[in-house]
Protein backbone atom coordinates (compact mmCIF):
# COMPACT_ATOMS: atom_id res chain seq x y z
CA UNK A 1 25.77 52.39 116.78
CA UNK A 2 26.23 56.48 116.23
CA UNK A 3 27.07 56.90 119.90
CA UNK A 4 29.29 54.27 119.81
CA UNK A 5 30.90 55.56 116.79
CA UNK A 6 31.71 58.41 118.26
CA UNK A 7 33.11 57.13 121.65
CA UNK A 8 36.26 55.92 122.52
CA UNK A 9 35.70 54.49 125.61
CA UNK A 10 33.24 51.98 123.42
CA UNK A 11 33.62 48.26 124.50
CA UNK A 12 36.23 46.28 122.37
CA UNK A 13 36.47 42.58 121.67
CA UNK A 14 38.16 41.19 124.41
CA UNK A 15 41.26 38.53 123.94
CA UNK A 16 41.65 34.99 125.61
CA UNK A 17 44.36 35.17 128.38
CA UNK A 18 45.71 33.56 130.82
CA UNK A 19 47.70 35.98 132.70
CA UNK A 20 45.00 36.02 135.57
CA UNK A 21 43.86 32.30 135.62
CA UNK A 22 45.49 32.30 139.22
CA UNK A 23 44.38 35.51 140.30
CA UNK A 24 41.70 35.17 143.19
CA UNK A 25 38.60 35.02 143.04
CA UNK A 26 36.47 38.02 143.43
CA UNK A 27 32.64 36.37 142.41
CA UNK A 28 31.53 33.13 141.68
CA UNK A 29 28.08 32.29 140.40
CA UNK A 30 26.05 29.03 140.11
CA UNK A 31 22.12 28.87 138.62
CA UNK A 32 20.31 25.71 137.41
CA UNK A 33 19.75 25.16 133.84
CA UNK A 34 16.72 23.44 133.60
CA UNK A 35 13.26 25.52 134.79
CA UNK A 36 11.52 22.68 136.81
CA UNK A 37 8.04 24.22 135.30
CA UNK A 38 8.97 24.59 131.89
CA UNK A 39 6.15 23.14 129.09
CA UNK A 40 8.29 23.27 126.08
CA UNK A 41 11.51 20.98 126.99
CA UNK A 42 12.93 21.73 123.64
CA UNK A 43 13.48 25.41 124.38
CA UNK A 44 15.35 24.36 127.14
CA UNK A 45 17.56 22.16 124.73
CA UNK A 46 17.63 25.30 122.55
CA UNK A 47 18.65 28.20 125.06
CA UNK A 48 21.71 25.15 126.13
CA UNK A 49 22.42 25.42 122.68
CA UNK A 50 22.78 28.97 122.64
CA UNK A 51 24.58 29.36 125.41
CA UNK A 52 27.20 26.91 124.39
CA UNK A 53 27.82 28.88 121.33
CA UNK A 54 28.15 32.17 123.52
CA UNK A 55 30.53 30.48 126.26
CA UNK A 56 33.38 29.99 123.38
CA UNK A 57 33.29 34.37 123.30
CA UNK A 58 33.03 34.97 126.76
CA UNK A 59 35.06 31.89 128.82
CA UNK A 60 38.48 32.78 129.48
CA UNK A 61 38.37 36.15 128.39
CA UNK A 62 40.65 38.80 130.39
CA UNK A 63 39.08 42.62 130.42
CA UNK A 64 42.13 45.30 130.90
CA UNK A 65 42.21 48.31 133.80
CA UNK A 66 39.80 50.85 132.34
CA UNK A 67 38.24 48.81 129.37
CA UNK A 68 34.89 48.69 128.74
CA UNK A 69 33.03 45.20 128.30
CA UNK A 70 30.10 44.52 125.90
CA UNK A 71 28.29 41.85 126.30
CA UNK A 72 27.06 41.83 122.41
CA UNK A 73 30.34 42.86 121.33
CA UNK A 74 32.16 39.65 122.65
CA UNK A 75 29.19 37.81 121.57
CA UNK A 76 27.85 39.17 118.43
CA UNK A 77 24.99 38.68 116.55
CA UNK A 78 22.91 35.47 117.55
CA UNK A 79 21.81 33.94 114.15
CA UNK A 80 21.22 30.63 112.56
CA UNK A 81 24.15 30.68 110.48
CA UNK A 82 26.43 30.91 113.48
CA UNK A 83 24.94 28.07 114.98
CA UNK A 84 22.49 29.44 117.31
CA UNK A 85 18.62 28.22 117.22
CA UNK A 86 15.28 28.23 118.84
CA UNK A 87 15.52 28.97 122.36
CA UNK A 88 13.08 30.64 125.14
CA UNK A 89 13.24 34.01 125.57
CA UNK A 90 11.10 36.77 127.46
CA UNK A 91 9.23 39.34 125.20
CA UNK A 92 6.78 41.79 125.72
CA UNK A 93 5.78 39.80 128.92
CA UNK A 94 5.74 36.26 127.46
CA UNK A 95 8.40 33.53 127.30
CA UNK A 96 8.62 33.05 123.46
CA UNK A 97 10.89 30.92 121.06
CA UNK A 98 13.51 32.90 119.60
CA UNK A 99 16.45 32.43 117.88
CA UNK A 100 19.28 33.17 120.20
CA UNK A 101 16.92 32.83 123.13
CA UNK A 102 18.19 31.93 126.53
CA UNK A 103 21.50 34.40 126.31
CA UNK A 104 19.52 36.44 129.24
CA UNK A 105 20.29 33.75 131.85
CA UNK A 106 24.31 34.57 130.82
CA UNK A 107 23.75 38.28 130.95
CA UNK A 108 21.87 37.64 134.37
CA UNK A 109 24.63 35.86 136.05
CA UNK A 110 27.80 38.07 134.14
CA UNK A 111 25.83 40.81 135.80
CA UNK A 112 24.90 39.51 139.53
CA UNK A 113 28.82 38.30 139.66
CA UNK A 114 30.11 41.71 138.32
CA UNK A 115 28.26 43.58 141.14
CA UNK A 116 29.56 41.43 143.91
CA UNK A 117 33.03 41.31 142.27
CA UNK A 118 33.09 45.44 142.60
CA UNK A 119 32.69 45.70 138.81
CA UNK A 120 31.12 49.05 137.42
CA UNK A 121 27.70 48.66 135.63
CA UNK A 122 28.00 51.37 132.52
CA UNK A 123 24.75 50.02 131.28
CA UNK A 124 22.14 47.58 131.93
CA UNK A 125 18.37 47.02 131.37
CA UNK A 126 16.25 45.19 133.36
CA UNK A 127 13.52 42.87 132.33
CA UNK A 128 10.01 44.27 130.98
CA UNK A 129 8.54 41.10 133.26
CA UNK A 130 9.41 38.73 136.36
CA UNK A 131 9.63 35.39 135.90
CA UNK A 132 8.66 33.47 139.14
CA UNK A 133 11.84 32.81 141.37
CA UNK A 134 13.98 34.60 138.47
CA UNK A 135 17.10 36.65 139.36
CA UNK A 136 14.73 39.84 138.41
CA UNK A 137 12.80 39.00 141.72
CA UNK A 138 15.93 40.11 143.18
CA UNK A 139 16.40 43.03 141.16
CA UNK A 140 19.75 41.50 139.86
CA UNK A 141 18.59 40.49 136.37
CA UNK A 142 20.05 42.31 132.88
CA UNK A 143 18.48 41.82 129.78
CA UNK A 144 19.92 42.02 126.65
CA UNK A 145 18.49 42.23 123.10
CA UNK A 146 20.59 42.86 119.94
CA UNK A 147 21.78 45.48 119.41
CA UNK A 148 20.11 48.20 121.43
CA UNK A 149 20.00 46.87 124.70
CA UNK A 150 23.44 45.94 126.18
CA UNK A 151 25.37 44.62 129.50
CA UNK A 152 28.54 46.80 129.36
CA UNK A 153 31.07 46.54 132.48
CA UNK A 154 34.05 48.04 133.13
CA UNK A 155 36.90 48.79 135.90
CA UNK A 156 39.72 50.31 137.22
CA UNK A 157 41.72 46.90 137.42
CA UNK A 158 42.13 44.02 135.16
CA UNK A 159 39.57 40.86 135.78
CA UNK A 160 38.92 37.22 133.97
CA UNK A 161 35.67 35.82 133.34
CA UNK A 162 35.18 32.18 133.18
CA UNK A 163 32.30 30.22 132.29
CA UNK A 164 31.30 26.59 132.13
CA UNK A 165 28.11 24.50 132.05
CA UNK A 166 27.85 21.04 133.22
CA UNK A 167 24.23 19.02 132.55
CA UNK A 168 22.30 20.68 135.19
CA UNK A 169 23.99 24.05 136.19
CA UNK A 170 25.55 27.55 135.12
CA UNK A 171 28.81 28.17 136.69
CA UNK A 172 30.30 31.27 136.18
CA UNK A 173 33.56 32.47 137.94
CA UNK A 174 35.54 36.48 138.10
CA UNK A 175 38.73 36.55 138.94
CA UNK A 176 41.10 39.90 139.28
CA UNK A 177 43.22 41.96 141.65
CA UNK A 178 41.04 44.49 142.97
CA UNK A 179 42.95 47.37 144.87
CA UNK A 180 41.59 48.49 147.91
CA UNK A 181 40.56 51.99 146.68
CA UNK A 182 38.83 52.10 143.51
CA UNK A 183 37.39 55.22 141.67
CA UNK A 184 33.46 53.76 140.21
CA UNK A 185 32.15 55.37 137.36
CA UNK A 186 28.20 55.96 136.69
CA UNK A 187 25.59 53.36 137.30
CA UNK A 188 23.30 53.55 134.11
CA UNK A 189 20.14 51.62 134.39
CA UNK A 190 16.61 52.00 132.86
CA UNK A 191 13.68 52.72 134.70
CA UNK A 192 12.40 50.05 136.91
CA UNK A 193 8.91 48.78 135.32
CA UNK A 194 5.98 47.30 137.90
CA UNK A 195 6.58 43.52 138.22
CA UNK A 196 4.32 41.51 136.47
CA UNK A 197 4.46 37.61 135.84
CA UNK A 198 5.20 36.63 132.46
CA UNK A 199 3.11 34.34 130.07
CA UNK A 200 4.62 31.16 128.42
CA UNK A 201 4.08 30.61 124.83
CA UNK A 202 3.89 26.51 126.00
CA UNK A 203 0.82 27.20 128.42
CA UNK A 204 -1.12 30.65 128.10
CA UNK A 205 -3.55 28.78 125.75
CA UNK A 206 -3.38 31.85 123.81
CA UNK A 207 -3.34 30.05 120.11
CA UNK A 208 -4.77 32.71 118.17
CA UNK A 209 -1.33 34.91 119.12
CA UNK A 210 1.15 35.74 116.21
CA UNK A 211 4.10 33.97 118.16
CA UNK A 212 2.28 30.62 119.31
CA UNK A 213 4.13 27.51 117.90
CA UNK A 214 1.80 24.88 119.14
CA UNK A 215 3.13 21.53 120.43
CA UNK A 216 5.57 20.02 118.26
CA UNK A 217 6.23 16.04 117.40
CA UNK A 218 10.16 16.17 118.12
CA UNK A 219 11.27 15.81 121.36
CA UNK A 220 14.51 15.69 123.61
CA UNK A 221 16.58 12.74 122.04
CA UNK A 222 19.85 10.73 123.08
CA UNK A 223 22.30 10.36 120.30
CA UNK A 224 24.72 7.36 120.08
CA UNK A 225 28.22 8.33 117.75
CA UNK A 226 29.40 4.61 116.77
CA UNK A 227 33.14 5.67 115.53
CA UNK A 228 34.34 2.71 117.06
CA UNK A 229 32.09 0.04 117.13
CA UNK A 230 33.98 -2.76 119.62
CA UNK A 231 31.04 -5.67 119.78
CA UNK A 232 30.80 -4.78 123.38
CA UNK A 233 29.58 -1.40 122.58
CA UNK A 234 27.43 -2.66 119.92
CA UNK A 235 25.63 -5.17 122.20
CA UNK A 236 25.12 -2.32 124.33
CA UNK A 237 23.77 -0.15 122.25
CA UNK A 238 21.24 -3.00 121.33
CA UNK A 239 19.96 -3.29 125.13
CA UNK A 240 20.06 -0.05 126.20
CA UNK A 241 18.69 2.01 122.82
CA UNK A 242 15.21 3.56 122.94
CA UNK A 243 12.99 4.50 120.08
CA UNK A 244 13.78 7.95 119.99
CA UNK A 245 17.70 7.66 119.91
CA UNK A 246 19.33 8.52 117.20
CA UNK A 247 22.75 6.28 116.03
CA UNK A 248 26.04 8.07 113.94
CA UNK A 249 29.15 6.21 113.20
CA UNK A 250 29.93 3.28 110.89
CA UNK A 251 29.45 -0.16 110.87
CA UNK A 252 25.92 0.44 109.04
CA UNK A 253 24.81 2.78 111.19
CA UNK A 254 23.76 6.67 109.99
CA UNK A 255 26.78 8.46 109.12
CA UNK A 256 26.63 12.11 108.13
CA UNK A 257 26.61 12.68 104.57
CA UNK A 258 29.20 15.42 105.00
CA UNK A 259 31.76 13.57 106.48
CA UNK A 260 31.91 10.74 103.58
CA UNK A 261 34.31 12.93 101.42
CA UNK A 262 36.19 14.12 104.60
CA UNK A 263 36.83 10.52 105.44
CA UNK A 264 38.09 10.57 101.10
CA UNK A 265 40.21 13.64 102.12
CA UNK A 266 41.68 11.96 105.51
CA UNK A 267 42.44 8.92 104.18
CA UNK A 268 45.11 10.77 101.64
CA UNK A 269 46.00 13.02 104.41
CA UNK A 270 46.73 9.94 106.66
CA UNK A 271 49.01 8.47 103.89
CA UNK A 272 50.79 11.63 103.12
CA UNK A 273 51.67 12.64 106.77
CA UNK A 274 52.98 8.87 107.09
CA UNK A 275 55.55 9.72 104.28
CA UNK A 276 56.67 12.89 105.57
CA UNK A 277 57.14 10.86 108.64
CA UNK A 278 54.88 11.82 111.44
CA UNK A 279 54.38 9.08 113.94
CA UNK A 280 51.66 7.08 114.17
CA UNK A 281 50.09 8.54 117.14
CA UNK A 282 50.19 12.11 115.95
CA UNK A 283 48.69 11.09 112.28
CA UNK A 284 45.91 9.69 114.33
CA UNK A 285 45.12 12.51 116.73
CA UNK A 286 44.71 14.88 113.53
CA UNK A 287 42.10 12.40 112.08
CA UNK A 288 40.03 12.52 115.39
CA UNK A 289 39.66 15.71 115.35
CA UNK A 290 38.26 15.83 112.09
CA UNK A 291 35.83 13.18 113.19
CA UNK A 292 34.75 15.34 116.15
CA UNK A 293 33.98 17.78 113.43
CA UNK A 294 31.36 15.84 112.15
CA UNK A 295 30.19 14.57 115.16
CA UNK A 296 29.38 18.04 116.03
CA UNK A 297 27.89 18.90 112.75
CA UNK A 298 25.35 15.80 113.24
CA UNK A 299 24.22 16.24 117.03
CA UNK A 300 20.99 18.54 117.26
CA UNK A 301 20.23 21.23 120.34
CA UNK A 302 17.90 18.28 121.20
CA UNK A 303 20.48 15.98 121.56
CA UNK A 304 20.93 16.44 125.29
CA UNK A 305 22.10 13.61 126.18
CA UNK A 306 25.50 11.13 124.27
CA UNK A 307 26.99 8.47 123.89
CA UNK A 308 30.60 9.24 122.75
CA UNK A 309 34.16 7.33 122.04
CA UNK A 310 36.92 8.32 124.26
CA UNK A 311 38.91 9.13 121.10
CA UNK A 312 36.68 12.45 120.09
CA UNK A 313 36.00 13.21 123.66
CA UNK A 314 39.10 15.98 124.10
CA UNK A 315 37.91 17.31 120.99
CA UNK A 316 34.58 18.04 121.67
CA UNK A 317 35.14 19.20 125.51
CA UNK A 318 37.84 22.10 124.29
CA UNK A 319 35.20 23.01 121.64
CA UNK A 320 32.35 23.63 124.28
CA UNK A 321 30.11 20.55 122.56
CA UNK A 322 29.52 18.87 126.22
CA UNK A 323 28.84 21.98 128.14
CA UNK A 324 25.26 21.58 129.35
CA UNK A 325 25.29 17.71 128.12
CA UNK A 326 24.62 14.21 130.36
CA UNK A 327 27.51 12.16 128.51
CA UNK A 328 28.25 8.70 128.67
CA UNK A 329 32.28 8.18 127.53
CA UNK A 330 32.82 4.52 125.64
CA UNK A 331 36.33 4.07 126.61
CA UNK A 332 38.31 2.57 124.16
CA UNK A 333 42.08 3.05 126.08
CA UNK A 334 43.49 4.49 129.28
CA UNK A 335 43.26 7.99 129.43
CA UNK A 336 45.75 10.09 128.21
CA UNK A 337 47.46 10.50 131.42
CA UNK A 338 47.56 7.21 132.91
CA UNK A 339 48.97 6.02 129.44
CA UNK A 340 51.84 8.16 129.27
CA UNK A 341 52.60 7.23 132.79
CA UNK A 342 52.45 3.73 131.79
CA UNK A 343 54.97 4.55 128.60
CA UNK A 344 57.18 6.45 130.84
CA UNK A 345 57.37 3.52 133.28
CA UNK A 346 58.23 1.18 130.48
CA UNK A 347 60.66 3.52 128.78
CA UNK A 348 62.63 3.27 132.31
CA UNK A 349 62.77 -0.19 131.80
CA UNK A 350 64.35 0.14 128.35
CA UNK A 351 65.55 3.45 127.66
CA UNK A 352 67.06 2.88 124.15
CA UNK A 353 64.10 2.15 122.89
CA UNK A 354 62.58 4.75 120.68
CA UNK A 355 58.70 3.34 120.43
CA UNK A 356 58.13 3.82 124.16
CA UNK A 357 58.23 7.66 123.71
CA UNK A 358 56.59 8.15 120.64
CA UNK A 359 53.58 8.70 121.74
CA UNK A 360 53.03 11.93 123.87
CA UNK A 361 49.91 14.03 123.15
CA UNK A 362 50.02 18.11 123.57
CA UNK A 363 49.47 18.83 127.69
CA UNK A 364 46.35 20.85 126.49
CA UNK A 365 44.57 17.71 124.95
CA UNK A 366 45.47 15.54 127.51
CA UNK A 367 43.82 17.84 130.22
CA UNK A 368 40.60 18.42 128.20
CA UNK A 369 40.41 14.83 128.18
CA UNK A 370 40.82 14.84 131.78
CA UNK A 371 37.97 17.76 132.37
CA UNK A 372 35.75 15.68 130.33
CA UNK A 373 36.27 12.40 131.52
CA UNK A 374 35.54 14.12 135.43
CA UNK A 375 32.80 15.53 134.03
CA UNK A 376 30.76 12.14 132.27
CA UNK A 377 27.98 10.41 133.75
CA UNK A 378 29.57 6.76 132.84
CA UNK A 379 32.66 5.34 131.61
CA UNK A 380 31.72 2.51 129.38
CA UNK A 381 33.92 -0.14 129.14
CA UNK A 382 34.70 -3.85 129.76
CA UNK A 383 38.31 -3.42 130.02
CA UNK A 384 39.19 -3.89 134.07
CA UNK A 385 42.24 -1.61 134.22
CA UNK A 386 40.02 1.29 132.73
CA UNK A 387 37.29 0.79 135.33
CA UNK A 388 39.36 0.62 138.40
CA UNK A 389 40.18 4.05 137.80
CA UNK A 390 36.53 5.27 137.03
CA UNK A 391 35.58 4.96 140.44
CA UNK A 392 31.75 5.48 140.55
CA UNK A 393 31.61 6.27 137.06
CA UNK A 394 32.27 2.46 135.75
CA UNK A 395 29.99 0.92 134.09
CA UNK A 396 31.14 -2.92 133.37
CA UNK A 397 30.78 -4.27 129.86
CA UNK A 398 31.04 -8.10 129.47
CA UNK A 399 33.70 -8.73 127.08
CA UNK A 400 32.49 -10.68 124.11
CA UNK A 401 33.97 -13.65 123.45
CA UNK A 402 34.57 -14.91 120.10
CA UNK A 403 33.97 -18.58 118.34
CA UNK A 404 36.37 -21.54 119.60
CA UNK A 405 38.64 -22.75 117.23
CA UNK A 406 38.94 -26.21 116.70
CA UNK A 407 41.73 -27.43 118.38
CA UNK A 408 41.66 -31.30 116.56
CA UNK A 409 42.84 -29.54 113.34
CA UNK A 410 45.93 -28.24 115.02
CA UNK A 411 49.47 -28.98 114.01
CA UNK A 412 51.92 -28.68 116.89
CA UNK A 413 55.59 -28.11 115.80
CA UNK A 414 58.28 -30.22 117.68
CA UNK A 415 59.39 -27.16 119.87
CA UNK A 416 57.11 -25.69 122.26
CA UNK A 417 55.22 -22.68 120.85
CA UNK A 418 54.52 -19.56 123.17
CA UNK A 419 52.49 -17.24 120.87
CA UNK A 420 53.01 -13.73 121.52
CA UNK A 421 49.55 -12.17 119.93
CA UNK A 422 51.01 -8.78 119.16
CA UNK A 423 52.93 -6.74 116.93
CA UNK A 424 56.50 -7.09 118.36
CA UNK A 425 56.76 -3.88 119.91
CA UNK A 426 58.50 -2.95 123.58
CA UNK A 427 54.90 -2.01 124.26
CA UNK A 428 53.44 -4.79 124.30
CA UNK A 429 56.37 -6.55 126.47
CA UNK A 430 58.56 -8.74 123.88
CA UNK A 431 61.46 -7.50 125.57
CA UNK A 432 60.06 -9.06 128.75
CA UNK A 433 58.96 -12.39 126.76
CA UNK A 434 62.35 -12.73 125.28
CA UNK A 435 64.21 -11.81 128.54
CA UNK A 436 62.20 -14.25 130.31
CA UNK A 437 62.98 -17.51 127.76
CA UNK A 438 66.09 -16.57 126.49
CA UNK A 439 67.76 -19.70 127.50
CA UNK A 440 64.71 -22.24 126.62
CA UNK A 441 64.68 -24.32 123.84
CA UNK A 442 61.00 -22.92 122.53
CA UNK A 443 59.34 -21.21 119.93
CA UNK A 444 58.30 -17.50 119.79
CA UNK A 445 55.74 -17.52 117.59
CA UNK A 446 55.00 -13.84 115.92
CA UNK A 447 51.63 -12.60 113.94
CA UNK A 448 52.29 -10.39 111.01
CA UNK A 449 53.18 -7.03 111.37
CA UNK A 450 56.14 -4.62 112.88
CA UNK A 451 58.40 -5.65 115.23
CA UNK A 452 61.46 -3.51 116.89
CA UNK A 453 64.62 -4.06 115.61
CA UNK A 454 67.54 -6.00 116.67
CA UNK A 455 65.89 -8.89 118.82
CA UNK A 456 67.73 -11.10 120.77
CA UNK A 457 66.23 -14.06 121.56
CA UNK A 458 68.81 -16.44 122.56
CA UNK A 459 68.25 -20.02 122.41
CA UNK A 460 64.57 -19.31 121.82
CA UNK A 461 63.63 -19.11 118.10
CA UNK A 462 61.52 -16.20 116.58
CA UNK A 463 58.97 -17.56 114.05
CA UNK A 464 56.39 -15.65 112.33
CA UNK A 465 52.87 -17.24 111.19
CA UNK A 466 51.12 -15.69 107.93
CA UNK A 467 47.53 -15.63 110.25
CA UNK A 468 46.64 -14.46 113.87
CA UNK A 469 44.45 -17.82 113.55
CA UNK A 470 47.26 -20.17 112.47
CA UNK A 471 49.49 -18.36 115.70
CA UNK A 472 46.94 -19.37 117.74
CA UNK A 473 46.18 -23.18 116.45
CA UNK A 474 49.74 -24.13 116.71
CA UNK A 475 50.16 -22.38 120.04
CA UNK A 476 50.80 -24.28 123.60
CA UNK A 477 50.39 -21.06 125.68
CA UNK A 478 49.38 -17.32 124.72
CA UNK A 479 51.53 -14.97 126.59
CA UNK A 480 51.19 -11.10 125.90
CA UNK A 481 53.13 -9.45 128.95
CA UNK A 482 51.88 -5.94 127.78
CA UNK A 483 52.85 -2.25 129.50
CA UNK A 484 49.79 -1.30 127.47
CA UNK A 485 46.73 -3.06 125.91
CA UNK A 486 43.66 -2.06 125.39
CA UNK A 487 42.08 -4.13 123.19
CA UNK A 488 43.25 -7.92 123.93
CA UNK A 489 41.29 -10.05 121.38
CA UNK A 490 43.61 -12.46 120.52
CA UNK A 491 43.82 -13.60 124.45
CA UNK A 492 39.97 -13.78 124.11
CA UNK A 493 40.00 -15.86 121.35
CA UNK A 494 42.58 -18.08 123.26
CA UNK A 495 40.60 -17.86 126.02
CA UNK A 496 37.49 -19.23 124.36
CA UNK A 497 39.39 -22.35 122.88
CA UNK A 498 40.85 -23.35 125.77
CA UNK A 499 44.37 -22.49 125.46
CA UNK A 500 46.28 -21.29 128.60
CA UNK A 501 47.18 -17.58 128.89
CA UNK A 502 49.74 -15.41 130.37
CA UNK A 503 48.98 -11.91 130.69
CA UNK A 504 49.44 -8.52 132.74
CA UNK A 505 46.59 -6.33 134.18
CA UNK A 506 47.10 -3.80 131.73
CA UNK A 507 45.57 -6.48 129.39
CA UNK A 508 41.83 -5.57 130.80
CA UNK A 509 41.11 -9.30 131.45
CA UNK A 510 38.70 -9.63 134.39
CA UNK A 511 38.62 -12.78 137.01
CA UNK A 512 35.51 -14.40 135.45
CA UNK A 513 38.21 -15.59 132.91
CA UNK A 514 40.74 -18.22 133.22
CA UNK A 515 43.60 -16.86 132.72
CA UNK A 516 47.21 -16.32 134.71
CA UNK A 517 48.10 -12.44 135.97
CA UNK A 518 51.31 -11.38 135.98
CA UNK A 519 52.52 -7.70 136.45
CA UNK A 520 54.01 -5.44 133.22
CA UNK A 521 58.15 -5.98 133.62
CA UNK A 522 58.24 -8.69 136.31
CA UNK A 523 60.18 -11.24 134.34
CA UNK A 524 61.00 -13.99 137.21
CA UNK A 525 56.99 -14.27 137.54
CA UNK A 526 56.41 -14.37 133.46
CA UNK A 527 59.00 -16.76 133.10
CA UNK A 528 57.61 -18.94 135.99
CA UNK A 529 53.86 -18.29 134.67
CA UNK A 530 54.87 -19.92 131.25
CA UNK A 531 56.87 -22.55 131.98
CA UNK A 532 54.11 -23.99 134.07
CA UNK A 533 51.72 -22.74 131.32
CA UNK A 534 53.93 -25.24 128.91
CA UNK A 535 54.28 -28.40 131.55
CA UNK A 536 50.72 -28.37 131.74
CA UNK A 537 49.78 -28.16 128.07
CA UNK A 538 52.06 -30.68 127.42
CA UNK A 539 50.89 -32.93 130.36
CA UNK A 540 47.26 -32.05 128.53
CA UNK A 541 48.07 -33.53 125.27
CA UNK A 542 49.47 -36.37 126.23
């Protein structure tokens, strides 16, 4: 500290930036996260947690020409209060549990890549002993220990550091514009000590050692976050849950205590933002960010596998909480990239409709979701359109059909009834249905809820019922020509009750169910399908 205080060229904290994001790649590194012979997997899980915390301060930083990068200046001290936990650390010849243990894997990777990228090593220290198969055997390691063993780098050109983790690997990349000639600073390293294989606290047998932790009853586990507990996801949880799994969320599942007062504040914030005129999707995204923070506080380092809702994925990915973890995503909607493309397609068809343009997410959030979905092990969903986008990641869940209604109690009006089981919004296809039935003597039945302004129904009569249940009882046909529909519960109820259903592929129904498919925006096909279903329904009643 005294030497640094007197050194004008001492390391400074480097900022995250994007000026070199397209610069040439000077060096890349890829290394495994899980040793094959680890006696205590909890220490590896703790190491991954420590790497996740450190990556927040390292990934995306850019170091200016002539500036000194210091590992500890950038990362800061690894303490419990900053989210660090017990990880595997090589100290005095033994692999031991230590707070912040495992950060040396990161410093090793940075040093190895820096040497190959042509950066100059200002300070570097070798490990005291060598683990079999480690970078120390190749003399490429660089140990760090707060606050007197550091890794410091410098270069006569600006460079950028990019680091990420998937469930198995640490990935590192250095970018920069390296000149053809570069002056070098002196290389300062500690003398090489004799190579000696390290002991492991989990297997060395030295029970009397003051660092010995002994066997631990708790192990690695899988965490489920049932924020949006669809019946299909709950059924999957019951089938797949192991005894060691932990479940968070609503609907009777364990909910973190700190989330309860936060939800009360979120409810007030929801009402305030709506009164201020904010669009509902933007209000929803702000609330989801708070829920993602609840999840981040709930999971532990040993939760190396997650099952999480799609709505929280982009926030968790952006905050680095998924790095080094395996996870499956419960898909409750189209990916935002595809969703916005569908709304744009509908908006071109109805350019004067505001509701088709009110959901446009922050591009950074859309990109975070895209990257998170690409890194997921599986997409869990009953929605056929979503599964079609998933490719090899698709894990299909069967739709949960509700109990059928007693149709004998249905009272049919004199005019044929076409039930539109959604709020009469453009994204649900109300304009297409009105255009298709404009000159027909039919009732278009709407459930309770909001609707577009100034709907022109022509000869068809718009009629609202008091409940979804009542609308289904009166329906001759259920039609939902939606551009976007993620949870077609009313359609499932109609199918279970034997009511003819006309819908678009956007509703996500699969081929095993009884329904008639029409493309979104195809008014002639919609008209033909609805009129045919009405004729069939009338013949059945006769």
